[in-house]
């Protein structure tokens, strides 16, 4: 049998990983028809059906699963070898990614401690609210918010989040508040966008048994650090993310308005990929993160 073309194997691996010819085509930068053609040619050469085709998705057959195990392992080995050869001349950076809020408010104040303990590890921090692909974006470690269940990823619980209203001491002095009911008449700083799923005031009032009509906040932001800055400058009341901005409460920059927390039903996790061997630097960083947050769990 003639050797199988690497292009066909690349198309097969991507289609098997995504369970989609369309997603595989998007990743490889070619058309869906081209992916389908390569896989049909591969099936013809092997005289075996590799996928069960559906209307919107494809699934590996038993033959396809067996081939996928070998191809994905081979590609992983090739990728690791190329990285190892590259690192001989250019030691790789540790690529860490998390959300803008988590990076600026929680991780950045702690990075200096890690660098002091591990001065030989260079870090490139990518702060983005878009989920990056570990392989395509060459990410080593991510800190993600969710339930910890992501396909093909290893996740370890890092810290939970609890919500409570807070503001600057100056704002509280100008607008005395003692109960949750008092907050109905305060200037509420509002978060918009994907990060607002569990940070909306309507959700908080409902969770605390307080009926409110549709709120019309005077100040809205699509970025949580901007809300924090607005609260620090005395512009209104912030729905605080406990365990993320506790340092601002501890040093008195922000003050709690009422007692009690409203827990989120999701948490932060430290995440690595199962599709590539985790580098020693990444393991060191994960262990440091877990040790640093032990008192928060």
Protein backbone atom coordinates (compact mmCIF):
# COMPACT_ATOMS: atom_id res chain seq x y z
CA UNK A 1 0.00 0.00 0.00
CA UNK A 2 1.30 3.47 -0.88
CA UNK A 3 2.17 5.80 2.01
CA UNK A 4 -0.72 7.90 3.28
CA UNK A 5 -0.41 11.61 2.59
CA UNK A 6 0.21 13.73 5.71
CA UNK A 7 -2.43 16.23 4.56
CA UNK A 8 -5.06 13.50 4.73
CA UNK A 9 -3.96 12.50 8.24
CA UNK A 10 -4.04 16.13 9.39
CA UNK A 11 -7.61 16.50 8.07
CA UNK A 12 -8.61 13.21 9.68
CA UNK A 13 -7.16 14.16 13.08
CA UNK A 14 -8.80 17.59 13.12
CA UNK A 15 -12.17 16.18 12.02
CA UNK A 16 -12.00 13.45 14.65
CA UNK A 17 -11.07 15.90 17.40
CA UNK A 18 -13.86 18.34 16.53
CA UNK A 19 -16.39 15.71 15.37
CA UNK A 20 -16.98 18.09 12.48
CA UNK A 21 -15.59 18.51 8.98
CA UNK A 22 -16.58 22.19 9.07
CA UNK A 23 -14.67 22.93 12.27
CA UNK A 24 -11.68 20.98 11.01
CA UNK A 25 -11.69 23.03 7.79
CA UNK A 26 -11.82 26.27 9.78
CA UNK A 27 -8.85 25.19 11.91
CA UNK A 28 -6.78 24.10 8.89
CA UNK A 29 -7.67 27.12 6.78
CA UNK A 30 -9.18 25.12 3.93
CA UNK A 31 -12.69 24.41 2.69
CA UNK A 32 -15.05 21.82 4.12
CA UNK A 33 -15.12 20.17 0.70
CA UNK A 34 -11.34 19.81 0.78
CA UNK A 35 -11.47 18.12 4.17
CA UNK A 36 -14.18 15.75 2.96
CA UNK A 37 -12.17 14.92 -0.16
CA UNK A 38 -9.02 14.13 1.82
CA UNK A 39 -10.91 11.87 4.22
CA UNK A 40 -12.71 10.05 1.39
CA UNK A 41 -9.33 9.44 -0.24
CA UNK A 42 -7.99 8.12 3.07
CA UNK A 43 -10.99 5.80 3.50
CA UNK A 44 -10.51 4.54 -0.05
CA UNK A 45 -6.83 3.86 0.50
CA UNK A 46 -7.51 2.03 3.77
CA UNK A 47 -10.63 0.35 2.42
CA UNK A 48 -12.41 1.26 5.66
CA UNK A 49 -15.12 3.72 6.67
CA UNK A 50 -13.68 6.10 9.26
CA UNK A 51 -16.68 8.32 10.02
CA UNK A 52 -20.42 7.95 10.37
CA UNK A 53 -21.76 11.06 8.63
CA UNK A 54 -24.71 12.91 10.20
CA UNK A 55 -26.56 16.06 9.17
CA UNK A 56 -24.60 18.37 11.47
CA UNK A 57 -21.82 16.23 12.92
CA UNK A 58 -19.69 13.20 12.24
CA UNK A 59 -18.65 10.39 14.58
CA UNK A 60 -15.67 8.07 14.40
CA UNK A 61 -16.38 4.45 13.54
CA UNK A 62 -14.53 1.68 15.40
CA UNK A 63 -11.90 1.70 12.66
CA UNK A 64 -11.77 5.49 12.87
CA UNK A 65 -11.27 5.41 16.65
CA UNK A 66 -8.37 3.00 16.31
CA UNK A 67 -6.72 5.12 13.64
CA UNK A 68 -7.37 8.32 15.61
CA UNK A 69 -5.54 6.99 18.66
CA UNK A 70 -2.45 6.30 16.57
CA UNK A 71 -2.57 9.50 14.51
CA UNK A 72 -3.20 11.82 17.48
CA UNK A 73 -0.40 10.16 19.47
CA UNK A 74 1.94 10.51 16.51
CA UNK A 75 1.11 14.18 15.97
CA UNK A 76 1.54 14.86 19.66
CA UNK A 77 4.98 13.25 19.57
CA UNK A 78 5.95 15.26 16.47
CA UNK A 79 4.79 18.49 18.11
CA UNK A 80 6.68 17.79 21.32
CA UNK A 81 9.84 16.96 19.38
CA UNK A 82 9.62 20.18 17.39
CA UNK A 83 9.09 22.17 20.60
CA UNK A 84 12.06 20.45 22.23
CA UNK A 85 14.33 21.21 19.26
CA UNK A 86 13.14 24.82 19.20
CA UNK A 87 13.69 25.28 22.93
CA UNK A 88 17.36 24.29 22.62
CA UNK A 89 18.05 27.68 21.02
CA UNK A 90 15.05 29.58 22.33
CA UNK A 91 13.91 28.52 25.82
CA UNK A 92 10.09 28.71 25.71
CA UNK A 93 8.05 31.13 27.75
CA UNK A 94 5.37 29.82 30.07
CA UNK A 95 2.15 30.99 28.40
CA UNK A 96 -0.63 31.66 30.90
CA UNK A 97 -4.08 32.96 30.03
CA UNK A 98 -7.12 34.07 32.01
CA UNK A 99 -9.84 36.71 31.89
CA UNK A 100 -9.07 40.42 31.99
CA UNK A 101 -10.60 40.75 35.46
CA UNK A 102 -8.79 37.75 36.93
CA UNK A 103 -5.48 38.80 35.40
CA UNK A 104 -5.54 42.43 36.50
CA UNK A 105 -7.25 42.13 39.89
CA UNK A 106 -6.06 38.79 41.24
CA UNK A 107 -3.15 37.26 39.33
CA UNK A 108 -0.97 40.29 38.67
CA UNK A 109 -0.46 41.15 42.36
CA UNK A 110 0.76 37.57 42.89
CA UNK A 111 3.06 37.13 39.89
CA UNK A 112 5.93 38.88 41.66
CA UNK A 113 5.87 36.20 44.36
CA UNK A 114 6.11 33.42 41.77
CA UNK A 115 8.92 35.18 39.90
CA UNK A 116 10.85 35.59 43.17
CA UNK A 117 10.57 31.85 43.85
CA UNK A 118 11.24 30.80 40.24
CA UNK A 119 13.37 33.49 38.56
CA UNK A 120 14.36 31.14 35.72
CA UNK A 121 10.81 30.79 34.38
CA UNK A 122 9.76 33.47 31.89
CA UNK A 123 6.01 34.14 31.76
CA UNK A 124 3.83 35.52 28.99
CA UNK A 125 0.42 36.43 30.40
CA UNK A 126 -2.48 36.73 27.93
CA UNK A 127 -5.48 38.51 29.43
CA UNK A 128 -8.59 37.97 27.33
CA UNK A 129 -12.26 37.14 27.89
CA UNK A 130 -12.12 34.90 24.79
CA UNK A 131 -11.34 31.23 25.43
CA UNK A 132 -8.05 30.41 23.74
CA UNK A 133 -7.20 27.05 22.18
CA UNK A 134 -4.34 25.35 24.02
CA UNK A 135 -2.75 23.92 20.89
CA UNK A 136 -3.43 26.65 18.35
CA UNK A 137 -2.51 29.49 20.75
CA UNK A 138 0.31 27.49 22.42
CA UNK A 139 -1.16 27.99 25.89
CA UNK A 140 0.42 26.11 28.81
CA UNK A 141 -1.92 27.04 31.68
CA UNK A 142 -5.31 28.71 31.85
CA UNK A 143 -7.38 29.97 34.77
CA UNK A 144 -11.01 29.48 33.73
CA UNK A 145 -14.36 30.22 35.32
CA UNK A 146 -16.97 27.48 35.05
CA UNK A 147 -17.89 24.05 36.42
CA UNK A 148 -14.50 22.42 35.71
CA UNK A 149 -15.80 20.12 32.99
CA UNK A 150 -14.08 20.94 29.69
CA UNK A 151 -13.43 18.29 26.98
CA UNK A 152 -9.80 17.15 26.62
CA UNK A 153 -8.65 19.37 29.51
CA UNK A 154 -7.41 18.66 33.02
CA UNK A 155 -8.87 21.02 35.63
CA UNK A 156 -8.25 21.51 39.34
CA UNK A 157 -10.40 23.64 41.61
CA UNK A 158 -8.66 26.91 42.42
CA UNK A 159 -11.13 29.12 44.29
CA UNK A 160 -14.82 29.86 44.61
CA UNK A 161 -16.52 33.21 44.21
CA UNK A 162 -18.99 34.90 46.53
CA UNK A 163 -20.85 38.14 45.86
CA UNK A 164 -21.58 41.05 48.17
CA UNK A 165 -22.27 44.78 47.74
CA UNK A 166 -19.49 47.21 48.55
CA UNK A 167 -18.47 50.80 47.86
CA UNK A 168 -15.86 53.35 48.81
CA UNK A 169 -15.90 54.73 52.37
CA UNK A 170 -16.60 58.18 50.90
CA UNK A 171 -19.67 56.99 48.97
CA UNK A 172 -21.06 55.22 52.05
CA UNK A 173 -20.58 58.36 54.12
CA UNK A 174 -22.52 60.39 51.54
CA UNK A 175 -25.19 57.72 51.03
CA UNK A 176 -25.74 55.79 54.28
CA UNK A 177 -27.00 52.24 53.73
CA UNK A 178 -27.65 49.53 56.30
CA UNK A 179 -29.87 46.94 54.63
CA UNK A 180 -30.27 45.23 51.29
CA UNK A 181 -33.48 47.21 50.79
CA UNK A 182 -31.47 50.44 50.96
CA UNK A 183 -29.55 49.33 47.88
CA UNK A 184 -32.67 49.71 45.76
CA UNK A 185 -32.11 53.47 45.85
CA UNK A 186 -28.31 53.48 45.43
CA UNK A 187 -26.34 54.12 42.25
CA UNK A 188 -25.59 50.57 41.17
CA UNK A 189 -22.56 49.99 38.97
CA UNK A 190 -23.61 47.57 36.25
CA UNK A 191 -21.57 44.93 34.37
CA UNK A 192 -22.55 43.98 30.82
CA UNK A 193 -21.44 41.20 28.50
CA UNK A 194 -20.46 37.53 29.05
CA UNK A 195 -18.84 38.16 32.45
CA UNK A 196 -22.14 39.52 33.80
CA UNK A 197 -23.89 36.16 33.89
CA UNK A 198 -23.63 35.92 37.68
CA UNK A 199 -22.90 39.55 38.42
CA UNK A 200 -26.16 41.24 37.55
CA UNK A 201 -27.97 43.19 40.20
CA UNK A 202 -31.32 41.68 39.26
CA UNK A 203 -29.84 38.24 39.98
CA UNK A 204 -28.42 39.38 43.31
CA UNK A 205 -31.69 40.96 44.48
CA UNK A 206 -33.65 37.87 43.44
CA UNK A 207 -31.16 35.58 45.20
CA UNK A 208 -31.66 37.60 48.37
CA UNK A 209 -35.45 37.55 48.17
CA UNK A 210 -35.90 41.19 47.20
CA UNK A 211 -38.40 41.99 44.46
CA UNK A 212 -37.28 44.73 42.08
CA UNK A 213 -38.54 45.90 38.75
CA UNK A 214 -36.23 46.11 35.75
CA UNK A 215 -33.21 48.12 36.85
CA UNK A 216 -31.88 50.97 34.75
CA UNK A 217 -28.34 51.58 36.05
CA UNK A 218 -26.77 54.98 35.49
CA UNK A 219 -23.30 53.55 34.91
CA UNK A 220 -22.61 50.37 32.91
CA UNK A 221 -19.32 48.80 31.83
CA UNK A 222 -18.30 45.77 29.78
CA UNK A 223 -15.18 45.25 31.85
CA UNK A 224 -15.15 44.35 35.55
CA UNK A 225 -11.89 46.16 36.40
CA UNK A 226 -13.56 49.39 35.21
CA UNK A 227 -16.40 48.76 37.66
CA UNK A 228 -13.85 48.36 40.43
CA UNK A 229 -12.18 51.64 39.46
CA UNK A 230 -15.55 53.38 39.42
CA UNK A 231 -16.32 52.06 42.90
CA UNK A 232 -12.89 53.10 44.21
CA UNK A 233 -13.49 56.64 42.94
CA UNK A 234 -16.80 56.86 44.81
CA UNK A 235 -19.13 56.64 41.82
CA UNK A 236 -21.48 53.96 43.13
CA UNK A 237 -22.02 50.48 44.56
CA UNK A 238 -20.11 47.48 43.24
CA UNK A 239 -21.26 43.86 43.35
CA UNK A 240 -17.95 42.53 44.62
CA UNK A 241 -16.37 39.24 43.61
CA UNK A 242 -15.23 37.85 46.93
CA UNK A 243 -11.86 35.99 46.82
CA UNK A 244 -10.94 38.04 43.75
CA UNK A 245 -10.85 41.59 45.18
CA UNK A 246 -10.52 40.78 48.90
CA UNK A 247 -7.30 42.79 49.06
CA UNK A 248 -9.30 45.98 48.41
CA UNK A 249 -11.64 45.11 51.28
CA UNK A 250 -8.77 44.19 53.58
CA UNK A 251 -6.93 47.47 53.04
CA UNK A 252 -10.11 49.57 53.43
CA UNK A 253 -10.23 50.89 49.87
CA UNK A 254 -13.71 49.37 49.60
CA UNK A 255 -16.13 48.57 52.43
CA UNK A 256 -18.93 46.07 52.77
CA UNK A 257 -22.40 47.57 53.00
CA UNK A 258 -24.23 44.61 54.55
CA UNK A 259 -23.25 41.30 56.09
CA UNK A 260 -23.51 38.03 54.23
CA UNK A 261 -22.41 36.62 50.88
CA UNK A 262 -24.26 35.17 47.91
CA UNK A 263 -22.22 32.24 46.54
CA UNK A 264 -21.83 31.62 42.82
CA UNK A 265 -22.59 28.18 41.41
CA UNK A 266 -19.36 28.22 39.37
CA UNK A 267 -15.73 28.63 40.36
CA UNK A 268 -12.23 29.28 39.06
CA UNK A 269 -10.10 26.32 37.95
CA UNK A 270 -6.50 25.97 36.86
CA UNK A 271 -6.53 24.13 33.53
CA UNK A 272 -4.04 22.30 31.31
CA UNK A 273 -4.53 20.28 28.13
CA UNK A 274 -4.62 16.49 27.83
CA UNK A 275 -3.43 16.66 24.22
CA UNK A 276 0.13 17.65 24.99
CA UNK A 277 2.58 16.67 27.70
CA UNK A 278 2.48 19.29 30.45
CA UNK A 279 5.86 21.01 30.68
CA UNK A 280 7.75 21.09 33.98
CA UNK A 281 7.40 24.89 34.12
CA UNK A 282 3.62 24.57 33.80
CA UNK A 283 3.46 21.96 36.56
CA UNK A 284 5.51 24.24 38.79
CA UNK A 285 3.17 27.17 38.10
CA UNK A 286 0.04 25.07 38.77
CA UNK A 287 1.47 23.76 42.04
CA UNK A 288 2.29 27.33 43.10
CA UNK A 289 -1.23 28.52 42.26
CA UNK A 290 -2.85 25.70 44.22
CA UNK A 291 -0.59 26.29 47.22
CA UNK A 292 -1.21 30.05 47.13
CA UNK A 293 -5.00 29.57 47.19
CA UNK A 294 -5.11 26.75 49.74
CA UNK A 295 -6.55 29.06 52.42
CA UNK A 296 -9.34 30.14 50.05
CA UNK A 297 -10.68 26.62 49.47
